[in-house]
N, C-alpha and C. Protein backbone atom coordinates (compact mmCIF):
# COMPACT_ATOMS: atom_id res chain seq x y z
N MET A 1 109.70 42.31 113.12
CA MET A 1 109.24 41.53 111.93
C MET A 1 109.75 40.40 111.96
N SER A 2 108.65 39.17 111.61
CA SER A 2 108.91 37.96 111.76
C SER A 2 109.43 37.34 110.67
N LYS A 3 110.14 36.22 110.50
CA LYS A 3 110.38 35.24 108.98
C LYS A 3 109.31 35.00 108.32
N LYS A 4 109.64 34.93 106.99
CA LYS A 4 108.39 34.45 106.26
C LYS A 4 108.53 32.86 106.29
N ARG A 5 107.42 32.05 106.13
CA ARG A 5 107.24 31.01 105.92
C ARG A 5 107.13 30.46 105.14
N VAL A 6 107.75 29.37 104.13
CA VAL A 6 107.69 29.03 102.79
C VAL A 6 107.58 27.41 102.55
N ALA A 7 106.82 26.80 102.04
CA ALA A 7 106.86 25.32 101.64
C ALA A 7 107.17 25.49 100.39
N ILE A 8 108.56 24.59 99.79
CA ILE A 8 108.90 24.58 98.28
C ILE A 8 109.64 23.18 98.21
N SER A 9 109.61 22.63 97.11
CA SER A 9 109.70 21.28 96.52
C SER A 9 111.51 21.71 96.65
N LEU A 10 112.17 20.52 96.67
CA LEU A 10 113.65 20.45 96.45
C LEU A 10 113.88 21.13 95.12
N SER A 11 113.34 20.44 94.15
CA SER A 11 113.60 20.55 92.78
C SER A 11 112.98 22.04 92.50
N ASN A 12 112.34 22.91 93.21
CA ASN A 12 112.25 24.39 92.95
C ASN A 12 113.21 25.27 93.83
N LEU A 13 114.08 24.68 94.37
CA LEU A 13 115.04 25.81 94.94
C LEU A 13 115.73 26.47 94.02
N THR A 14 116.03 27.75 94.27
CA THR A 14 116.90 28.59 93.72
C THR A 14 118.20 28.22 93.53
N PRO A 15 119.11 28.42 92.80
CA PRO A 15 120.52 28.12 92.81
C PRO A 15 121.08 28.51 94.27
N GLU A 16 121.07 29.87 94.81
CA GLU A 16 121.42 30.21 96.20
C GLU A 16 120.80 29.28 97.11
N LEU A 17 119.74 29.11 96.90
CA LEU A 17 119.28 27.96 98.28
C LEU A 17 119.43 26.70 98.38
N LEU A 18 119.69 26.26 96.93
CA LEU A 18 120.11 24.85 96.74
C LEU A 18 121.72 24.96 97.43
N ALA A 19 122.41 25.97 97.07
CA ALA A 19 124.07 25.98 97.75
C ALA A 19 123.65 25.74 99.35
N LEU A 20 122.78 26.65 99.65
CA LEU A 20 122.72 26.62 101.43
C LEU A 20 122.18 25.14 101.81
N PHE A 21 121.16 24.44 100.92
CA PHE A 21 120.62 23.05 101.27
C PHE A 21 121.92 22.34 101.66
N LYS A 22 122.78 22.29 100.40
CA LYS A 22 124.02 21.41 100.27
C LYS A 22 124.72 21.58 101.59
N GLN A 23 125.16 23.06 102.13
CA GLN A 23 126.06 23.34 102.90
C GLN A 23 125.40 22.82 104.46
N LYS A 24 123.99 23.03 104.47
CA LYS A 24 123.17 22.41 105.92
C LYS A 24 123.45 20.94 105.59
N TYR A 25 123.16 20.30 104.46
CA TYR A 25 123.25 18.69 104.63
C TYR A 25 124.42 18.22 104.04
N PRO A 26 125.22 18.36 104.01
CA PRO A 26 126.68 17.97 103.16
C PRO A 26 126.70 16.45 102.80
N HIS A 27 126.12 15.56 104.00
CA HIS A 27 126.27 14.08 103.95
C HIS A 27 124.70 13.74 103.70
N GLY A 28 123.97 14.31 103.27
CA GLY A 28 122.68 13.91 103.07
C GLY A 28 121.60 14.38 104.06
N TYR A 29 120.32 14.17 103.92
CA TYR A 29 119.08 14.65 104.76
C TYR A 29 118.42 13.65 105.40
N GLN A 30 118.70 12.31 104.95
CA GLN A 30 117.96 11.10 105.65
C GLN A 30 117.70 11.30 107.06
N ASN A 31 118.72 11.73 107.79
CA ASN A 31 118.63 11.68 109.12
C ASN A 31 117.66 12.93 109.54
N SER A 32 117.12 13.74 108.62
CA SER A 32 116.79 15.07 109.16
C SER A 32 115.20 15.18 108.59
N VAL A 33 114.87 14.10 107.99
CA VAL A 33 113.57 14.27 107.29
C VAL A 33 112.15 13.85 108.42
N PHE A 34 111.48 14.70 108.18
CA PHE A 34 110.38 14.45 109.03
C PHE A 34 108.57 14.67 108.05
N LYS A 35 107.49 13.87 108.53
CA LYS A 35 106.49 13.94 107.83
C LYS A 35 105.69 14.96 108.30
N VAL A 36 105.00 15.81 107.21
CA VAL A 36 104.17 17.06 107.59
C VAL A 36 102.83 16.18 106.76
N GLU A 37 101.91 16.51 107.75
CA GLU A 37 100.36 15.89 107.21
C GLU A 37 99.61 17.29 107.10
N LYS A 38 99.01 17.41 105.95
CA LYS A 38 98.37 18.25 105.68
C LYS A 38 96.40 18.14 106.45
N PRO A 39 96.04 19.17 106.02
CA PRO A 39 94.55 19.16 106.82
C PRO A 39 93.72 18.18 106.12
N ASN A 40 94.10 17.92 104.64
CA ASN A 40 93.11 17.07 103.97
C ASN A 40 93.41 15.68 104.19
N GLY A 41 94.07 15.22 105.02
CA GLY A 41 94.72 13.89 105.26
C GLY A 41 95.97 13.42 104.41
N ASP A 42 96.55 14.15 103.33
CA ASP A 42 97.65 13.88 102.61
C ASP A 42 98.65 14.19 103.67
N PHE A 43 99.93 13.79 102.99
CA PHE A 43 101.18 14.23 103.51
C PHE A 43 102.07 14.16 102.85
N PHE A 44 103.42 14.72 103.16
CA PHE A 44 104.95 14.79 102.44
C PHE A 44 105.56 14.81 103.53
N HIS A 45 106.99 14.40 102.91
CA HIS A 45 108.16 14.63 103.81
C HIS A 45 109.18 15.94 103.42
N ALA A 46 109.67 16.32 104.46
CA ALA A 46 110.34 17.36 104.17
C ALA A 46 111.52 17.88 105.44
N VAL A 47 112.34 18.71 105.27
CA VAL A 47 113.27 19.24 106.17
C VAL A 47 113.34 20.57 106.16
N THR A 48 114.14 21.20 107.29
CA THR A 48 113.99 22.84 107.18
C THR A 48 115.12 23.42 106.86
N LEU A 49 114.90 24.60 106.22
CA LEU A 49 116.27 25.29 105.75
C LEU A 49 115.88 26.69 106.44
N GLU A 50 116.81 27.20 107.00
CA GLU A 50 116.63 28.47 107.59
C GLU A 50 117.41 29.82 106.72
N THR A 51 117.23 30.93 106.53
CA THR A 51 117.89 32.03 105.97
C THR A 51 117.57 33.18 106.90
N GLU A 52 118.21 34.18 106.64
CA GLU A 52 117.98 35.46 107.51
C GLU A 52 116.36 35.70 107.44
N ASP A 53 115.88 35.74 106.32
CA ASP A 53 114.56 36.37 106.08
C ASP A 53 113.40 35.28 105.85
N ALA A 54 114.20 33.95 105.84
CA ALA A 54 112.84 33.14 105.56
C ALA A 54 113.15 31.67 106.42
N SER A 55 111.92 31.17 106.60
CA SER A 55 112.17 29.57 107.40
C SER A 55 111.59 28.64 106.23
N TYR A 56 112.17 27.89 105.60
CA TYR A 56 111.72 26.87 104.59
C TYR A 56 111.47 25.48 105.14
N LEU A 57 110.34 25.20 104.59
CA LEU A 57 109.85 23.65 104.47
C LEU A 57 110.26 23.12 103.32
N VAL A 58 111.21 22.20 103.09
CA VAL A 58 111.60 21.92 101.62
C VAL A 58 111.26 20.43 101.81
N LYS A 59 110.36 20.33 100.73
CA LYS A 59 109.60 18.95 100.16
C LYS A 59 110.91 18.14 99.89
N VAL A 60 110.96 17.13 100.24
CA VAL A 60 112.03 16.07 99.73
C VAL A 60 111.22 14.39 99.26
N PRO A 61 111.85 13.90 98.30
CA PRO A 61 111.36 12.65 97.80
C PRO A 61 112.00 11.73 98.83
N VAL A 62 110.83 10.78 99.13
CA VAL A 62 111.32 9.68 99.96
C VAL A 62 110.93 8.40 99.26
N LYS A 63 111.85 7.20 99.31
CA LYS A 63 111.55 6.05 99.29
C LYS A 63 111.18 5.17 100.32
N ILE A 64 110.04 4.73 100.54
CA ILE A 64 109.35 3.91 101.44
C ILE A 64 109.74 2.42 101.48
N ASP A 65 110.37 1.70 102.22
CA ASP A 65 110.61 0.46 101.80
C ASP A 65 109.10 -0.32 102.46
N THR A 66 108.58 -1.18 101.24
CA THR A 66 107.27 -1.56 101.29
C THR A 66 107.17 -3.08 101.63
N LYS A 67 108.44 -3.66 101.85
CA LYS A 67 108.77 -5.04 102.11
C LYS A 67 108.20 -5.51 103.66
N ILE A 68 107.53 -6.61 103.64
CA ILE A 68 106.93 -7.09 104.86
C ILE A 68 108.59 -7.42 106.00
N LYS A 69 108.66 -6.94 107.37
CA LYS A 69 109.51 -7.50 108.14
C LYS A 69 109.60 -8.91 108.26
N ASP A 70 108.47 -9.70 108.22
CA ASP A 70 108.55 -10.93 108.22
C ASP A 70 109.10 -11.58 107.46
N GLU A 71 109.02 -11.38 105.78
CA GLU A 71 109.52 -11.99 104.70
C GLU A 71 111.31 -11.62 105.19
N ASP A 72 111.66 -10.85 105.67
CA ASP A 72 113.03 -10.44 106.11
C ASP A 72 113.63 -11.46 107.00
N GLU A 73 113.03 -11.87 108.05
CA GLU A 73 113.10 -12.81 108.96
C GLU A 73 113.29 -14.41 108.78
N GLU A 74 112.43 -14.67 107.52
CA GLU A 74 112.42 -16.00 106.95
C GLU A 74 113.48 -16.33 106.28
N LYS A 75 114.25 -15.58 105.63
CA LYS A 75 115.62 -15.89 104.85
C LYS A 75 116.50 -15.51 105.53
N ASP A 76 117.70 -16.39 105.08
CA ASP A 76 118.93 -15.71 105.77
C ASP A 76 120.07 -15.45 104.50
N PHE A 77 121.23 -15.50 104.58
CA PHE A 77 122.27 -15.14 103.97
C PHE A 77 122.09 -16.29 102.84
N PHE A 78 121.89 -17.59 102.74
CA PHE A 78 122.12 -18.39 101.96
C PHE A 78 120.60 -18.99 101.35
N GLY A 79 119.76 -18.24 101.91
CA GLY A 79 118.42 -18.69 101.37
C GLY A 79 117.16 -18.73 102.29
N SER A 80 116.32 -19.64 102.32
CA SER A 80 115.47 -20.02 103.01
C SER A 80 115.93 -20.72 104.22
N LEU A 81 115.59 -20.74 105.48
CA LEU A 81 115.83 -21.19 106.41
C LEU A 81 115.23 -22.91 106.33
N ALA A 82 114.09 -22.76 105.88
CA ALA A 82 113.61 -24.02 105.80
C ALA A 82 114.30 -25.17 104.93
N ASP A 83 115.06 -24.57 103.59
CA ASP A 83 116.01 -25.46 103.02
C ASP A 83 117.01 -25.74 103.64
N ASP A 84 117.62 -25.53 104.86
CA ASP A 84 118.89 -25.63 105.38
C ASP A 84 119.24 -27.28 105.54
N THR A 85 119.69 -27.75 105.07
CA THR A 85 120.10 -29.71 104.80
C THR A 85 121.66 -29.58 105.72
N ILE A 86 122.28 -28.72 105.91
CA ILE A 86 123.70 -28.78 106.55
C ILE A 86 124.00 -29.26 107.71
N GLY A 87 124.71 -30.52 107.90
CA GLY A 87 124.71 -31.31 109.16
C GLY A 87 123.55 -32.27 109.52
N THR A 88 122.96 -32.45 108.59
CA THR A 88 121.72 -33.68 108.82
C THR A 88 122.26 -35.21 109.02
N GLU A 89 121.56 -36.05 109.86
CA GLU A 89 121.66 -37.36 109.73
C GLU A 89 122.13 -38.11 108.73
N GLU A 90 121.76 -37.47 107.42
CA GLU A 90 121.89 -38.26 105.97
C GLU A 90 123.28 -38.09 105.37
N ASP A 91 124.00 -37.18 106.41
CA ASP A 91 125.49 -37.01 105.96
C ASP A 91 126.08 -37.95 105.88
N GLU A 92 126.99 -37.99 104.56
CA GLU A 92 128.03 -39.36 104.69
C GLU A 92 129.52 -39.04 104.79
N PHE A 93 130.29 -39.72 105.06
CA PHE A 93 131.74 -39.30 105.03
C PHE A 93 132.46 -40.40 104.35
N PRO A 94 133.18 -40.29 103.60
CA PRO A 94 134.30 -41.26 102.98
C PRO A 94 134.60 -42.36 104.01
N ASP A 95 134.66 -43.51 103.55
CA ASP A 95 135.19 -44.66 104.29
C ASP A 95 136.52 -44.57 104.66
N ASP A 96 137.50 -44.10 103.76
CA ASP A 96 139.06 -44.12 103.71
C ASP A 96 139.62 -43.06 104.84
N ILE A 97 138.68 -42.21 105.32
CA ILE A 97 139.20 -41.69 106.41
C ILE A 97 138.84 -42.21 107.57
N SER A 98 140.18 -42.21 108.34
CA SER A 98 139.99 -42.52 109.63
C SER A 98 140.35 -41.48 110.71
N ASP A 99 139.47 -41.55 111.75
CA ASP A 99 139.57 -40.52 112.86
C ASP A 99 141.00 -40.78 113.45
N GLU A 100 141.51 -41.74 113.39
CA GLU A 100 142.75 -42.16 114.23
C GLU A 100 144.23 -41.65 113.54
N GLU A 101 143.93 -41.31 112.20
CA GLU A 101 145.20 -40.82 111.66
C GLU A 101 145.62 -39.36 112.18
N PRO A 102 147.07 -39.20 112.38
CA PRO A 102 147.34 -38.04 113.21
C PRO A 102 147.66 -37.05 111.82
N ALA A 103 147.57 -35.72 112.65
CA ALA A 103 147.58 -34.43 111.53
C ALA A 103 149.04 -34.60 111.04
N GLU A 104 149.27 -33.89 110.08
CA GLU A 104 150.63 -33.46 109.65
C GLU A 104 151.28 -32.46 110.21
N GLU A 105 152.57 -32.61 110.69
CA GLU A 105 153.06 -31.59 111.62
C GLU A 105 153.79 -30.84 110.43
N ILE A 106 153.96 -29.33 110.80
CA ILE A 106 154.68 -28.48 109.92
C ILE A 106 156.02 -28.28 110.85
N ALA A 107 156.76 -28.48 110.11
CA ALA A 107 158.59 -28.38 110.89
C ALA A 107 158.69 -26.75 110.83
N ASP A 108 159.32 -26.27 111.85
CA ASP A 108 159.88 -24.90 111.72
C ASP A 108 160.85 -24.93 111.02
N GLU A 109 161.23 -23.89 110.48
CA GLU A 109 162.57 -23.73 109.39
C GLU A 109 163.35 -22.90 110.06
């Protein structure tokens, strides 16, 4: 006799199946998710869960990043790269600082 195959939502798991789910994915299921396409063109994301008598396809919620990748590359940590004015020719240094002055020495105690 073969196992029955069941598709079920994560929110509809019984307490026993939920405990088994948590045991199988103790650190989360993010690396085990795959896309399942339906015959009508729709799809859902799922992970597998096996028991002695059934093979479950557990539907899980997935947040998809819709931000365009090019937008990420246009900005750096400090903001837009186009606004970067550090180290331009317009930088001015105080006149009273001389490049000739020796640095202070720290005496060993």
